[in-house]
Amino acid sequence: MVPAPEVAREWVDQLEPGVQVLLWTRRRGRTILEYSVVLRVWRDGGWRTLRVFDNAHGVNEVHRYTRSEGKQPGRVWHHGTAGEAFRDAWKSLKESYKRIEEAWLRS
């Protein structure tokens, strides 16, 4: 049996005007191998990153961003599969993006 080819896909979930989640996956069949989930807001004439979930280093990490210091070191946040982490990250951002944005504005 020939394995399914790997396919990369990216798309945007527009949560409201000026708030979006960028999504990227690399899959083999239905299995997510790699992913990133990025919360961005439009501020000061451009898109600003507030939070990134990914598995770029082989573990499911989250990176916070602050206005004053930018990207913060990653921390492991999920011990499940890449697919589980991807879905949980997307759900988490959709539920908490307003709180995250408020904290970012104060940082």
Protein backbone atom coordinates (compact mmCIF):
# COMPACT_ATOMS: atom_id res chain seq x y z
CA MET A 1 0.00 0.00 0.00
CA VAL A 2 1.32 3.43 -0.98
CA PRO A 3 1.28 6.00 1.86
CA ALA A 4 -0.84 9.10 1.36
CA PRO A 5 1.10 12.13 0.14
CA GLU A 6 1.88 14.97 2.52
CA VAL A 7 -0.22 18.06 1.95
CA ALA A 8 0.27 21.54 3.43
CA ARG A 9 -2.65 23.90 3.80
CA GLU A 10 -3.07 27.39 5.27
CA TRP A 11 -6.17 29.45 5.83
CA VAL A 12 -7.57 32.30 7.95
CA ASP A 13 -10.37 32.24 10.52
CA GLN A 14 -11.59 35.85 10.73
CA LEU A 15 -12.96 36.11 14.29
CA GLU A 16 -14.11 39.72 13.88
CA PRO A 17 -12.85 42.74 11.94
CA GLY A 18 -9.20 43.22 12.84
CA VAL A 19 -8.86 39.87 14.65
CA GLN A 20 -7.81 36.68 12.91
CA VAL A 21 -6.37 33.26 13.50
CA LEU A 22 -3.90 32.05 10.88
CA LEU A 23 -3.91 28.26 10.57
CA TRP A 24 -1.35 26.02 8.89
CA THR A 25 -1.10 22.25 8.81
CA ARG A 26 1.02 19.64 7.11
CA ARG A 27 -0.85 16.35 6.89
CA ARG A 28 -0.47 12.85 5.63
CA GLY A 29 -3.99 11.71 4.93
CA ARG A 30 -6.05 12.82 7.93
CA THR A 31 -3.07 12.85 10.31
CA ILE A 32 -1.64 16.25 11.19
CA LEU A 33 2.16 16.08 11.28
CA GLU A 34 2.95 19.77 11.84
CA TYR A 35 0.83 22.81 12.60
CA SER A 36 0.78 26.43 13.66
CA VAL A 37 -2.10 28.48 15.03
CA VAL A 38 -1.43 32.23 15.23
CA LEU A 39 -3.61 34.93 16.80
CA ARG A 40 -3.16 38.35 15.17
CA VAL A 41 -4.81 41.73 15.58
CA TRP A 42 -4.71 44.83 13.39
CA ARG A 43 -3.13 47.65 15.40
CA ASP A 44 -1.08 50.73 14.58
CA GLY A 45 -1.40 50.17 10.83
CA GLY A 46 -0.34 46.52 10.71
CA TRP A 47 -0.95 42.97 11.88
CA ARG A 48 0.48 42.21 15.34
CA THR A 49 1.02 38.66 16.59
CA LEU A 50 -0.30 37.97 20.09
CA ARG A 51 0.00 34.21 20.46
CA VAL A 52 1.49 31.26 18.53
CA PHE A 53 0.81 27.59 19.11
CA ASP A 54 2.97 25.14 17.11
CA ASN A 55 5.02 21.99 17.13
CA ALA A 56 8.00 23.31 15.16
CA HIS A 57 10.45 21.82 17.69
CA GLY A 58 8.77 18.44 17.99
CA VAL A 59 6.64 19.35 21.04
CA ASN A 60 3.40 21.29 21.35
CA GLU A 61 4.44 24.77 22.46
CA VAL A 62 2.81 28.13 22.97
CA HIS A 63 4.60 31.46 22.56
CA ARG A 64 3.17 34.62 24.09
CA TYR A 65 3.95 38.00 22.59
CA THR A 66 4.08 41.28 24.49
CA ARG A 67 3.97 44.79 23.06
CA SER A 68 7.14 45.80 24.87
CA GLU A 69 9.30 42.67 24.45
CA GLY A 70 7.81 40.76 21.52
CA LYS A 71 8.03 36.98 21.32
CA GLN A 72 8.47 35.17 24.61
CA PRO A 73 10.14 31.76 25.04
CA GLY A 74 7.96 28.80 24.18
CA ARG A 75 6.53 26.54 26.83
CA VAL A 76 5.04 23.10 26.45
CA TRP A 77 1.28 23.35 26.78
CA HIS A 78 -0.17 20.11 25.39
CA HIS A 79 0.95 16.49 25.65
CA GLY A 80 -1.40 15.00 23.06
CA THR A 81 -0.94 14.43 19.34
CA ALA A 82 -0.31 17.25 16.89
CA GLY A 83 -3.92 16.95 15.71
CA GLU A 84 -5.32 17.20 19.24
CA ALA A 85 -3.08 20.15 20.04
CA PHE A 86 -4.02 21.92 16.79
CA ARG A 87 -7.75 21.60 17.46
CA ASP A 88 -7.38 22.61 21.13
CA ALA A 89 -5.26 25.65 20.25
CA TRP A 90 -7.78 26.86 17.66
CA LYS A 91 -10.68 26.35 20.06
CA SER A 92 -8.80 28.10 22.88
CA LEU A 93 -8.07 31.18 20.76
CA LYS A 94 -11.66 31.44 19.56
CA GLU A 95 -12.86 31.34 23.19
CA SER A 96 -10.24 33.63 24.75
CA TYR A 97 -8.98 36.04 22.10
CA LYS A 98 -10.56 39.09 23.76
CA ARG A 99 -8.87 38.36 27.08
CA ILE A 100 -5.55 37.71 25.31
CA GLU A 101 -5.84 41.00 23.41
CA GLU A 102 -6.61 42.94 26.61
CA ALA A 103 -3.54 41.45 28.31
CA TRP A 104 -1.38 42.21 25.27
CA LEU A 105 -2.54 45.85 25.25
CA ARG A 106 -1.36 46.16 28.88
CA SER A 107 2.02 44.47 28.25
